[in-house]
PDB file of N, CA and C in Angstrom:
ATOM      1  N   MET A   1       0.699  -1.122  -0.276  1.00  0.00           N
ATOM      2  CA  MET A   1       0.101   0.213   0.204  1.00  0.00           C
ATOM      3  C   MET A   1       0.970   1.362   0.132  1.00  0.00           C
ATOM      4  N   LYS A   2       0.627   2.162  -0.847  1.00  0.00           N
ATOM      5  CA  LYS A   2       1.293   3.479  -1.048  1.00  0.00           C
ATOM      6  C   LYS A   2       0.772   4.552  -0.341  1.00  0.00           C
ATOM      7  N   TYR A   3       1.345   5.687   0.356  1.00  0.00           N
ATOM      8  CA  TYR A   3       0.425   6.860   0.922  1.00  0.00           C
ATOM      9  C   TYR A   3       1.152   8.174   0.506  1.00  0.00           C
ATOM     10  N   LEU A   4       0.472   8.962  -0.120  1.00  0.00           N
ATOM     11  CA  LEU A   4       0.790  10.220  -0.613  1.00  0.00           C
ATOM     12  C   LEU A   4       0.929  11.173   0.703  1.00  0.00           C
ATOM     13  N   ILE A   5       2.350  11.812   0.968  1.00  0.00           N
ATOM     14  CA  ILE A   5       2.314  12.717   1.929  1.00  0.00           C
ATOM     15  C   ILE A   5       2.946  13.988   1.699  1.00  0.00           C
ATOM     16  N   THR A   6       2.500  15.292   2.501  1.00  0.00           N
ATOM     17  CA  THR A   6       2.919  16.680   1.819  1.00  0.00           C
ATOM     18  C   THR A   6       4.206  16.707   2.120  1.00  0.00           C
ATOM     19  N   GLU A   7       4.926  17.646   1.823  1.00  0.00           N
ATOM     20  CA  GLU A   7       6.396  17.833   2.150  1.00  0.00           C
ATOM     21  C   GLU A   7       6.216  18.701   3.756  1.00  0.00           C
ATOM     22  N   SER A   8       5.432  19.433   3.823  1.00  0.00           N
ATOM     23  CA  SER A   8       5.289  19.808   5.509  1.00  0.00           C
ATOM     24  C   SER A   8       4.726  18.660   6.346  1.00  0.00           C
ATOM     25  N   GLN A   9       4.206  17.672   6.139  1.00  0.00           N
ATOM     26  CA  GLN A   9       4.146  16.290   6.774  1.00  0.00           C
ATOM     27  C   GLN A   9       5.243  15.413   6.637  1.00  0.00           C
ATOM     28  N   LEU A  10       6.077  15.588   6.044  1.00  0.00           N
ATOM     29  CA  LEU A  10       7.529  14.896   5.834  1.00  0.00           C
ATOM     30  C   LEU A  10       7.947  15.555   6.762  1.00  0.00           C
ATOM     31  N   ASP A  11       8.417  16.794   6.659  1.00  0.00           N
ATOM     32  CA  ASP A  11       8.962  17.907   7.328  1.00  0.00           C
ATOM     33  C   ASP A  11       8.548  17.712   8.815  1.00  0.00           C
ATOM     34  N   LYS A  12       7.450  17.321   9.323  1.00  0.00           N
ATOM     35  CA  LYS A  12       7.021  17.212  10.615  1.00  0.00           C
ATOM     36  C   LYS A  12       7.626  15.762  11.370  1.00  0.00           C
ATOM     37  N   ALA A  13       7.612  14.808  10.549  1.00  0.00           N
ATOM     38  CA  ALA A  13       7.979  13.624  10.767  1.00  0.00           C
ATOM     39  C   ALA A  13       9.496  13.650  11.021  1.00  0.00           C
ATOM     40  N   VAL A  14      10.011  14.234  10.149  1.00  0.00           N
ATOM     41  CA  VAL A  14      11.839  14.068  10.280  1.00  0.00           C
ATOM     42  C   VAL A  14      12.000  15.299  11.406  1.00  0.00           C
ATOM     43  N   PHE A  15      11.297  16.354  11.418  1.00  0.00           N
ATOM     44  CA  PHE A  15      11.930  17.168  12.796  1.00  0.00           C
ATOM     45  C   PHE A  15      11.327  16.614  14.089  1.00  0.00           C
ATOM     46  N   ILE A  16      10.202  15.813  14.381  1.00  0.00           N
ATOM     47  CA  ILE A  16      10.517  15.066  15.614  1.00  0.00           C
ATOM     48  C   ILE A  16      11.683  14.023  15.710  1.00  0.00           C
ATOM     49  N   TYR A  17      12.035  13.184  14.719  1.00  0.00           N
ATOM     50  CA  TYR A  17      12.735  12.420  14.758  1.00  0.00           C
ATOM     51  C   TYR A  17      14.494  13.131  15.276  1.00  0.00           C
ATOM     52  N   LEU A  18      14.384  14.330  14.948  1.00  0.00           N
ATOM     53  CA  LEU A  18      15.352  14.816  15.033  1.00  0.00           C
ATOM     54  C   LEU A  18      15.660  15.611  16.300  1.00  0.00           C
ATOM     55  N   ASN A  19      14.360  16.212  16.499  1.00  0.00           N
ATOM     56  CA  ASN A  19      14.022  16.516  18.005  1.00  0.00           C
ATOM     57  C   ASN A  19      14.455  15.401  19.235  1.00  0.00           C
ATOM     58  N   ASN A  20      13.975  14.269  18.891  1.00  0.00           N
ATOM     59  CA  ASN A  20      14.547  13.026  19.434  1.00  0.00           C
ATOM     60  C   ASN A  20      15.883  12.817  20.005  1.00  0.00           C
ATOM     61  N   GLN A  21      16.619  13.028  18.862  1.00  0.00           N
ATOM     62  CA  GLN A  21      17.876  13.107  19.055  1.00  0.00           C
ATOM     63  C   GLN A  21      18.704  13.459  20.126  1.00  0.00           C
ATOM     64  N   ASP A  22      18.218  14.698  20.556  1.00  0.00           N
ATOM     65  CA  ASP A  22      18.306  15.471  21.798  1.00  0.00           C
ATOM     66  C   ASP A  22      19.832  15.770  21.735  1.00  0.00           C
ATOM     67  N   PHE A  23      20.122  16.464  20.332  1.00  0.00           N
ATOM     68  CA  PHE A  23      21.249  17.136  20.405  1.00  0.00           C
ATOM     69  C   PHE A  23      21.564  18.184  21.570  1.00  0.00           C
ATOM     70  N   ILE A  24      22.911  18.361  22.093  1.00  0.00           N
ATOM     71  CA  ILE A  24      23.264  19.194  22.496  1.00  0.00           C
ATOM     72  C   ILE A  24      23.920  20.217  21.697  1.00  0.00           C
ATOM     73  N   GLN A  25      23.525  21.549  21.705  1.00  0.00           N
ATOM     74  CA  GLN A  25      24.102  22.725  20.986  1.00  0.00           C
ATOM     75  C   GLN A  25      25.299  23.497  21.609  1.00  0.00           C
ATOM     76  N   ILE A  26      26.268  23.302  21.132  1.00  0.00           N
ATOM     77  CA  ILE A  26      27.445  24.413  21.411  1.00  0.00           C
ATOM     78  C   ILE A  26      27.738  25.635  20.489  1.00  0.00           C
ATOM     79  N   GLU A  27      27.599  26.655  20.961  1.00  0.00           N
ATOM     80  CA  GLU A  27      27.684  27.947  20.405  1.00  0.00           C
ATOM     81  C   GLU A  27      29.146  28.415  20.438  1.00  0.00           C
ATOM     82  N   LYS A  28      29.831  28.622  19.276  1.00  0.00           N
ATOM     83  CA  LYS A  28      31.536  28.856  19.306  1.00  0.00           C
ATOM     84  C   LYS A  28      31.743  29.611  18.065  1.00  0.00           C
ATOM     85  N   ASN A  29      32.328  30.924  18.325  1.00  0.00           N
ATOM     86  CA  ASN A  29      33.005  31.602  17.059  1.00  0.00           C
ATOM     87  C   ASN A  29      31.875  31.959  15.955  1.00  0.00           C
ATOM     88  N   ASP A  30      30.350  32.460  16.136  1.00  0.00           N
ATOM     89  CA  ASP A  30      29.420  32.408  15.708  1.00  0.00           C
ATOM     90  C   ASP A  30      29.111  31.134  14.343  1.00  0.00           C
ATOM     91  N   LYS A  31      29.216  30.244  15.495  1.00  0.00           N
ATOM     92  CA  LYS A  31      28.716  29.003  14.770  1.00  0.00           C
ATOM     93  C   LYS A  31      28.064  28.049  15.578  1.00  0.00           C
ATOM     94  N   ILE A  32      27.132  27.271  15.208  1.00  0.00           N
ATOM     95  CA  ILE A  32      26.156  26.456  16.019  1.00  0.00           C
ATOM     96  C   ILE A  32      26.746  24.874  15.942  1.00  0.00           C
ATOM     97  N   TYR A  33      27.032  24.125  16.692  1.00  0.00           N
ATOM     98  CA  TYR A  33      27.335  22.849  16.604  1.00  0.00           C
ATOM     99  C   TYR A  33      26.426  22.076  17.148  1.00  0.00           C
ATOM    100  N   PHE A  34      25.648  20.966  16.599  1.00  0.00           N
ATOM    101  CA  PHE A  34      24.997  19.983  17.214  1.00  0.00           C
ATOM    102  C   PHE A  34      25.791  18.623  17.504  1.00  0.00           C
ATOM    103  N   VAL A  35      25.576  18.521  18.332  1.00  0.00           N
ATOM    104  CA  VAL A  35      26.748  17.107  19.037  1.00  0.00           C
ATOM    105  C   VAL A  35      25.649  16.334  19.899  1.00  0.00           C
ATOM    106  N   ASN A  36      26.112  15.112  19.729  1.00  0.00           N
ATOM    107  CA  ASN A  36      25.469  13.737  20.709  1.00  0.00           C
ATOM    108  C   ASN A  36      26.084  14.161  22.446  1.00  0.00           C
ATOM    109  N   SER A  37      26.910  14.519  22.868  1.00  0.00           N
ATOM    110  CA  SER A  37      27.493  14.619  24.008  1.00  0.00           C
ATOM    111  C   SER A  37      28.150  15.743  24.370  1.00  0.00           C
ATOM    112  N   GLU A  38      28.269  16.605  25.336  1.00  0.00           N
ATOM    113  CA  GLU A  38      29.582  17.655  25.567  1.00  0.00           C
ATOM    114  C   GLU A  38      30.833  17.023  25.286  1.00  0.00           C
ATOM    115  N   ASP A  39      31.073  15.954  25.328  1.00  0.00           N
ATOM    116  CA  ASP A  39      32.523  15.471  25.136  1.00  0.00           C
ATOM    117  C   ASP A  39      32.945  15.238  23.836  1.00  0.00           C
ATOM    118  N   ASP A  40      32.077  15.352  22.742  1.00  0.00           N
ATOM    119  CA  ASP A  40      32.139  15.257  21.352  1.00  0.00           C
ATOM    120  C   ASP A  40      33.289  16.143  20.941  1.00  0.00           C
ATOM    121  N   GLU A  41      34.176  15.492  20.481  1.00  0.00           N
ATOM    122  CA  GLU A  41      35.198  16.338  19.661  1.00  0.00           C
ATOM    123  C   GLU A  41      34.399  16.883  18.208  1.00  0.00           C
ATOM    124  N   TYR A  42      33.622  16.169  17.498  1.00  0.00           N
ATOM    125  CA  TYR A  42      33.191  16.663  16.317  1.00  0.00           C
ATOM    126  C   TYR A  42      31.523  16.780  16.594  1.00  0.00           C
ATOM    127  N   GLY A  43      30.838  17.843  15.667  1.00  0.00           N
ATOM    128  CA  GLY A  43      29.345  17.816  15.553  1.00  0.00           C
ATOM    129  C   GLY A  43      28.960  17.176  14.582  1.00  0.00           C
ATOM    130  N   GLN A  44      27.551  16.451  14.513  1.00  0.00           N
ATOM    131  CA  GLN A  44      26.656  15.899  13.462  1.00  0.00           C
ATOM    132  C   GLN A  44      26.475  17.174  12.597  1.00  0.00           C
ATOM    133  N   ILE A  45      26.219  18.299  13.153  1.00  0.00           N
ATOM    134  CA  ILE A  45      25.821  19.453  12.296  1.00  0.00           C
ATOM    135  C   ILE A  45      26.643  20.714  12.961  1.00  0.00           C
ATOM    136  N   ARG A  46      27.035  21.593  11.723  1.00  0.00           N
ATOM    137  CA  ARG A  46      27.403  22.841  12.304  1.00  0.00           C
ATOM    138  C   ARG A  46      27.059  24.055  11.117  1.00  0.00           C
ATOM    139  N   TYR A  47      26.323  24.904  12.260  1.00  0.00           N
ATOM    140  CA  TYR A  47      25.432  25.846  11.484  1.00  0.00           C
ATOM    141  C   TYR A  47      26.129  27.039  11.650  1.00  0.00           C
ATOM    142  N   ASP A  48      26.602  28.065  10.355  1.00  0.00           N
ATOM    143  CA  ASP A  48      27.393  28.919  10.672  1.00  0.00           C
ATOM    144  C   ASP A  48      26.469  30.484  10.181  1.00  0.00           C
ATOM    145  N   LYS A  49      26.595  31.266  11.191  1.00  0.00           N
ATOM    146  CA  LYS A  49      25.518  32.264  11.342  1.00  0.00           C
ATOM    147  C   LYS A  49      25.965  33.236  10.529  1.00  0.00           C
ATOM    148  N   ASP A  50      27.054  33.193  10.044  1.00  0.00           N
ATOM    149  CA  ASP A  50      27.688  34.527   9.286  1.00  0.00           C
ATOM    150  C   ASP A  50      27.111  34.651   8.093  1.00  0.00           C
ATOM    151  N   ASP A  51      27.250  32.951   7.237  1.00  0.00           N
ATOM    152  CA  ASP A  51      26.588  33.013   6.076  1.00  0.00           C
ATOM    153  C   ASP A  51      25.622  32.334   5.761  1.00  0.00           C
ATOM    154  N   GLY A  52      24.792  31.296   7.302  1.00  0.00           N
ATOM    155  CA  GLY A  52      23.879  30.517   6.739  1.00  0.00           C
ATOM    156  C   GLY A  52      24.175  29.096   6.106  1.00  0.00           C
ATOM    157  N   TRP A  53      25.482  28.832   6.190  1.00  0.00           N
ATOM    158  CA  TRP A  53      26.025  27.755   5.686  1.00  0.00           C
ATOM    159  C   TRP A  53      25.620  26.777   6.621  1.00  0.00           C
ATOM    160  N   CYS A  54      25.178  25.114   6.628  1.00  0.00           N
ATOM    161  CA  CYS A  54      24.770  24.217   7.306  1.00  0.00           C
ATOM    162  C   CYS A  54      25.580  23.105   6.848  1.00  0.00           C
ATOM    163  N   TYR A  55      26.673  22.624   7.662  1.00  0.00           N
ATOM    164  CA  TYR A  55      27.308  21.224   7.510  1.00  0.00           C
ATOM    165  C   TYR A  55      26.554  20.090   8.241  1.00  0.00           C
ATOM    166  N   ILE A  56      26.659  18.969   7.510  1.00  0.00           N
ATOM    167  CA  ILE A  56      26.054  17.986   7.845  1.00  0.00           C
ATOM    168  C   ILE A  56      26.773  16.484   7.691  1.00  0.00           C
ATOM    169  N   TYR A  57      27.113  15.951   8.825  1.00  0.00           N
ATOM    170  CA  TYR A  57      27.884  14.889   8.614  1.00  0.00           C
ATOM    171  C   TYR A  57      27.121  13.810   8.006  1.00  0.00           C
ATOM    172  N   TYR A  58      27.868  13.001   7.205  1.00  0.00           N
ATOM    173  CA  TYR A  58      27.281  12.187   5.889  1.00  0.00           C
ATOM    174  C   TYR A  58      26.588  11.101   6.624  1.00  0.00           C
ATOM    175  N   GLU A  59      27.019  10.365   7.916  1.00  0.00           N
ATOM    176  CA  GLU A  59      26.294   9.499   8.668  1.00  0.00           C
ATOM    177  C   GLU A  59      24.564   9.817   9.183  1.00  0.00           C
ATOM    178  N   LEU A  60      24.784  11.100   9.515  1.00  0.00           N
ATOM    179  CA  LEU A  60      23.168  11.677   9.864  1.00  0.00           C
ATOM    180  C   LEU A  60      22.544  11.612   8.518  1.00  0.00           C
ATOM    181  N   ILE A  61      22.465  12.068   7.599  1.00  0.00           N
ATOM    182  CA  ILE A  61      22.306  12.025   6.097  1.00  0.00           C
ATOM    183  C   ILE A  61      21.651  10.613   5.685  1.00  0.00           C
ATOM    184  N   ASP A  62      22.804   9.292   5.836  1.00  0.00           N
ATOM    185  CA  ASP A  62      22.506   8.480   5.260  1.00  0.00           C
ATOM    186  C   ASP A  62      21.242   7.765   6.617  1.00  0.00           C
ATOM    187  N   GLU A  63      21.367   8.059   7.691  1.00  0.00           N
ATOM    188  CA  GLU A  63      20.336   7.884   8.429  1.00  0.00           C
ATOM    189  C   GLU A  63      18.893   8.203   8.335  1.00  0.00           C
ATOM    190  N   ILE A  64      18.832   9.640   8.162  1.00  0.00           N
ATOM    191  CA  ILE A  64      17.628  10.334   7.767  1.00  0.00           C
ATOM    192  C   ILE A  64      17.134   9.568   6.397  1.00  0.00           C
ATOM    193  N   SER A  65      18.030   9.355   5.466  1.00  0.00           N
ATOM    194  CA  SER A  65      17.479   8.545   4.207  1.00  0.00           C
ATOM    195  C   SER A  65      17.153   7.323   4.090  1.00  0.00           C
ATOM    196  N   SER A  66      17.908   6.798   5.010  1.00  0.00           N
ATOM    197  CA  SER A  66      17.444   5.330   5.303  1.00  0.00           C
ATOM    198  C   SER A  66      16.114   4.984   5.893  1.00  0.00           C
ATOM    199  N   PHE A  67      15.805   5.679   7.107  1.00  0.00           N
ATOM    200  CA  PHE A  67      14.735   5.844   7.861  1.00  0.00           C
ATOM    201  C   PHE A  67      13.340   6.152   7.447  1.00  0.00           C
ATOM    202  N   PHE A  68      13.512   7.260   6.384  1.00  0.00           N
ATOM    203  CA  PHE A  68      12.624   7.928   5.656  1.00  0.00           C
ATOM    204  C   PHE A  68      12.556   7.627   4.208  1.00  0.00           C
ATOM    205  N   SER A  69      13.342   6.376   3.771  1.00  0.00           N
ATOM    206  CA  SER A  69      13.433   6.383   2.244  1.00  0.00           C
ATOM    207  C   SER A  69      13.531   7.606   1.703  1.00  0.00           C
ATOM    208  N   LEU A  70      14.438   8.315   1.885  1.00  0.00           N
ATOM    209  CA  LEU A  70      14.664   9.566   1.102  1.00  0.00           C
ATOM    210  C   LEU A  70      15.961   9.598   0.535  1.00  0.00           C
ATOM    211  N   GLY A  71      16.228  10.192  -0.773  1.00  0.00           N
ATOM    212  CA  GLY A  71      17.326  10.538  -1.152  1.00  0.00           C
ATOM    213  C   GLY A  71      18.369  11.230  -0.470  1.00  0.00           C
ATOM    214  N   GLU A  72      19.506  11.103  -0.694  1.00  0.00           N
ATOM    215  CA  GLU A  72      20.559  12.099  -0.035  1.00  0.00           C
ATOM    216  C   GLU A  72      20.088  13.540  -0.041  1.00  0.00           C
ATOM    217  N   SER A  73      19.979  14.091  -1.004  1.00  0.00           N
ATOM    218  CA  SER A  73      19.637  15.235  -1.365  1.00  0.00           C
ATOM    219  C   SER A  73      18.948  15.987  -0.837  1.00  0.00           C
ATOM    220  N   ASP A  74      17.362  15.017  -0.601  1.00  0.00           N
ATOM    221  CA  ASP A  74      16.054  15.453   0.309  1.00  0.00           C
ATOM    222  C   ASP A  74      16.446  15.436   1.488  1.00  0.00           C
ATOM    223  N   SER A  75      17.204  14.533   2.032  1.00  0.00           N
ATOM    224  CA  SER A  75      17.710  14.368   3.323  1.00  0.00           C
ATOM    225  C   SER A  75      18.446  15.701   3.689  1.00  0.00           C
ATOM    226  N   LYS A  76      19.226  16.219   3.153  1.00  0.00           N
ATOM    227  CA  LYS A  76      20.214  17.151   3.511  1.00  0.00           C
ATOM    228  C   LYS A  76      19.306  18.929   3.577  1.00  0.00           C
ATOM    229  N   GLU A  77      18.185  18.380   2.488  1.00  0.00           N
ATOM    230  CA  GLU A  77      17.545  19.795   2.611  1.00  0.00           C
ATOM    231  C   GLU A  77      16.511  19.694   3.645  1.00  0.00           C
ATOM    232  N   VAL A  78      15.610  18.509   3.988  1.00  0.00           N
ATOM    233  CA  VAL A  78      15.321  18.629   5.375  1.00  0.00           C
ATOM    234  C   VAL A  78      15.764  18.778   6.646  1.00  0.00           C
ATOM    235  N   ILE A  79      16.944  18.103   6.868  1.00  0.00           N
ATOM    236  CA  ILE A  79      17.862  18.624   8.091  1.00  0.00           C
ATOM    237  C   ILE A  79      17.983  20.119   7.900  1.00  0.00           C
ATOM    238  N   GLY A  80      18.489  20.966   6.982  1.00  0.00           N
ATOM    239  CA  GLY A  80      18.458  22.249   6.834  1.00  0.00           C
ATOM    240  C   GLY A  80      17.232  23.058   7.402  1.00  0.00           C
ATOM    241  N   ARG A  81      16.128  22.593   6.849  1.00  0.00           N
ATOM    242  CA  ARG A  81      15.000  23.222   7.372  1.00  0.00           C
ATOM    243  C   ARG A  81      14.483  22.836   8.553  1.00  0.00           C
ATOM    244  N   TRP A  82      15.088  21.951   9.086  1.00  0.00           N
ATOM    245  CA  TRP A  82      15.157  21.576  10.907  1.00  0.00           C
ATOM    246  C   TRP A  82      16.126  22.574  11.577  1.00  0.00           C
ATOM    247  N   VAL A  83      17.128  22.698  10.904  1.00  0.00           N
ATOM    248  CA  VAL A  83      18.095  23.824  11.587  1.00  0.00           C
ATOM    249  C   VAL A  83      17.529  24.994  11.440  1.00  0.00           C
ATOM    250  N   GLU A  84      16.704  25.755  10.532  1.00  0.00           N
ATOM    251  CA  GLU A  84      16.052  27.182  10.186  1.00  0.00           C
ATOM    252  C   GLU A  84      14.906  26.990  11.073  1.00  0.00           C
ATOM    253  N   ASN A  85      14.383  25.817  11.556  1.00  0.00           N
ATOM    254  CA  ASN A  85      13.260  25.848  12.519  1.00  0.00           C
ATOM    255  C   ASN A  85      13.748  25.914  13.949  1.00  0.00           C
ATOM    256  N   THR A  86      14.490  25.104  14.219  1.00  0.00           N
ATOM    257  CA  THR A  86      15.041  25.184  15.484  1.00  0.00           C
ATOM    258  C   THR A  86      15.738  26.557  15.460  1.00  0.00           C
ATOM    259  N   HIS A  87      16.483  27.304  14.994  1.00  0.00           N
ATOM    260  CA  HIS A  87      17.056  28.554  15.359  1.00  0.00           C
ATOM    261  C   HIS A  87      16.428  29.643  14.653  1.00  0.00           C
ATOM    262  N   GLN A  88      15.016  29.541  13.991  1.00  0.00           N
ATOM    263  CA  GLN A  88      14.614  30.787  13.399  1.00  0.00           C
ATOM    264  C   GLN A  88      15.651  31.711  12.425  1.00  0.00           C
ATOM    265  N   MET A  89      16.851  30.768  11.814  1.00  0.00           N
ATOM    266  CA  MET A  89      17.586  31.591  11.019  1.00  0.00           C
ATOM    267  C   MET A  89      17.792  30.735   9.577  1.00  0.00           C
ATOM    268  N   LYS A  90      18.013  31.494   8.805  1.00  0.00           N
ATOM    269  CA  LYS A  90      17.912  30.827   7.342  1.00  0.00           C
ATOM    270  C   LYS A  90      19.216  30.210   7.229  1.00  0.00           C
ATOM    271  N   VAL A  91      18.898  28.970   6.525  1.00  0.00           N
ATOM    272  CA  VAL A  91      20.198  28.178   5.902  1.00  0.00           C
ATOM    273  C   VAL A  91      20.201  28.517   4.396  1.00  0.00           C
ATOM    274  N   THR A  92      21.145  28.777   3.950  1.00  0.00           N
ATOM    275  CA  THR A  92      21.493  29.352   2.505  1.00  0.00           C
ATOM    276  C   THR A  92      21.681  28.284   1.474  1.00  0.00           C
ATOM    277  N   TYR A  93      22.759  27.269   2.384  1.00  0.00           N
ATOM    278  CA  TYR A  93      23.287  25.935   1.807  1.00  0.00           C
ATOM    279  C   TYR A  93      23.632  25.083   2.757  1.00  0.00           C
ATOM    280  N   THR A  94      23.247  23.888   2.145  1.00  0.00           N
ATOM    281  CA  THR A  94      23.373  22.548   2.889  1.00  0.00           C
ATOM    282  C   THR A  94      25.107  21.517   2.671  1.00  0.00           C
ATOM    283  N   VAL A  95      25.677  21.523   3.019  1.00  0.00           N
ATOM    284  CA  VAL A  95      26.835  20.682   2.738  1.00  0.00           C
ATOM    285  C   VAL A  95      27.033  19.317   3.567  1.00  0.00           C
ATOM    286  N   GLU A  96      26.991  18.047   2.265  1.00  0.00           N
ATOM    287  CA  GLU A  96      27.473  16.910   2.793  1.00  0.00           C
ATOM    288  C   GLU A  96      28.731  16.802   3.518  1.00  0.00           C
ATOM    289  N   MET A  97      29.294  16.573   4.779  1.00  0.00           N
ATOM    290  CA  MET A  97      30.780  16.180   5.114  1.00  0.00           C
ATOM    291  C   MET A  97      31.024  14.589   5.262  1.00  0.00           C
ATOM    292  N   ARG A  98      31.986  14.378   4.264  1.00  0.00           N
ATOM    293  CA  ARG A  98      32.529  13.106   4.350  1.00  0.00           C
ATOM    294  C   ARG A  98      33.730  12.979   4.959  1.00  0.00           C
ATOM    295  N   ILE A  99      34.013  11.550   5.563  1.00  0.00           N
ATOM    296  CA  ILE A  99      35.218  11.588   6.364  1.00  0.00           C
ATOM    297  C   ILE A  99      36.581  12.153   6.141  1.00  0.00           C
ATOM    298  N   PHE A 100      36.523  12.404   4.751  1.00  0.00           N
ATOM    299  CA  PHE A 100      37.931  12.821   4.273  1.00  0.00           C
ATOM    300  C   PHE A 100      38.357  14.615   4.463  1.00  0.00           C
ATOM    301  N   ASN A 101      36.796  15.219   5.344  1.00  0.00           N
ATOM    302  CA  ASN A 101      37.396  16.403   5.637  1.00  0.00           C
ATOM    303  C   ASN A 101      36.371  17.005   6.939  1.00  0.00           C
ATOM    304  N   PRO A 102      36.745  15.927   8.280  1.00  0.00           N
ATOM    305  CA  PRO A 102      36.202  16.231   8.757  1.00  0.00           C
ATOM    306  C   PRO A 102      36.234  17.302  10.232  1.00  0.00           C
ATOM    307  N   LEU A 103      37.351  18.072   9.626  1.00  0.00           N
ATOM    308  CA  LEU A 103      37.997  19.454  10.445  1.00  0.00           C
ATOM    309  C   LEU A 103      37.096  20.819  10.659  1.00  0.00           C
ATOM    310  N   THR A 104      35.941  20.333   9.206  1.00  0.00           N
ATOM    311  CA  THR A 104      34.803  21.458   9.080  1.00  0.00           C
ATOM    312  C   THR A 104      33.575  21.356  10.544  1.00  0.00           C
ATOM    313  N   LEU A 105      33.415  19.685  10.929  1.00  0.00           N
ATOM    314  CA  LEU A 105      32.819  19.621  12.273  1.00  0.00           C
ATOM    315  C   LEU A 105      33.307  19.685  13.422  1.00  0.00           C
ATOM    316  N   ARG A 106      35.007  19.582  13.372  1.00  0.00           N
ATOM    317  CA  ARG A 106      35.558  19.679  14.477  1.00  0.00           C
ATOM    318  C   ARG A 106      35.174  20.761  15.394  1.00  0.00           C
ATOM    319  N   ILE A 107      34.878  20.794  16.694  1.00  0.00           N
ATOM    320  CA  ILE A 107      34.206  22.109  18.007  1.00  0.00           C
ATOM    321  C   ILE A 107      35.672  22.611  18.283  1.00  0.00           C
ATOM    322  N   PRO A 108      35.820  23.827  17.783  1.00  0.00           N
ATOM    323  CA  PRO A 108      37.048  24.579  18.405  1.00  0.00           C
ATOM    324  C   PRO A 108      36.983  24.273  20.293  1.00  0.00           C
ATOM    325  N   THR A 109      38.198  24.245  20.748  1.00  0.00           N
ATOM    326  CA  THR A 109      38.587  24.275  22.217  1.00  0.00           C
ATOM    327  C   THR A 109      38.437  25.254  22.545  1.00  0.00           C
ATOM    328  N   LYS A 110      38.860  26.488  22.182  1.00  0.00           N
ATOM    329  CA  LYS A 110      38.526  27.708  22.678  1.00  0.00           C
ATOM    330  C   LYS A 110      37.278  28.602  22.337  1.00  0.00           C
TER     331      LYS A 110
END
């Protein structure tokens, strides 16, 4: 059986899923890092307040893609909308971060 759902209904479901992840938000140098615990060295998501770019760790994108049967591009976009909704700030671009460039998601120590 197939169901048709609207984009807003899908957003609601993914937003609930992401809200239940209980991300801790750490703000450093005009950036917001979404981490699983305060001891994490890397964030799952980084939002840059100055340019609105949203960097997302690929495993989170894969998790959303798999759980909600979405393509990677759609998963990136809905995560970006969740960040917008969470902070009431505009996401101008979403970037998938693969393992070869983890420094972008590294949380500064100072």
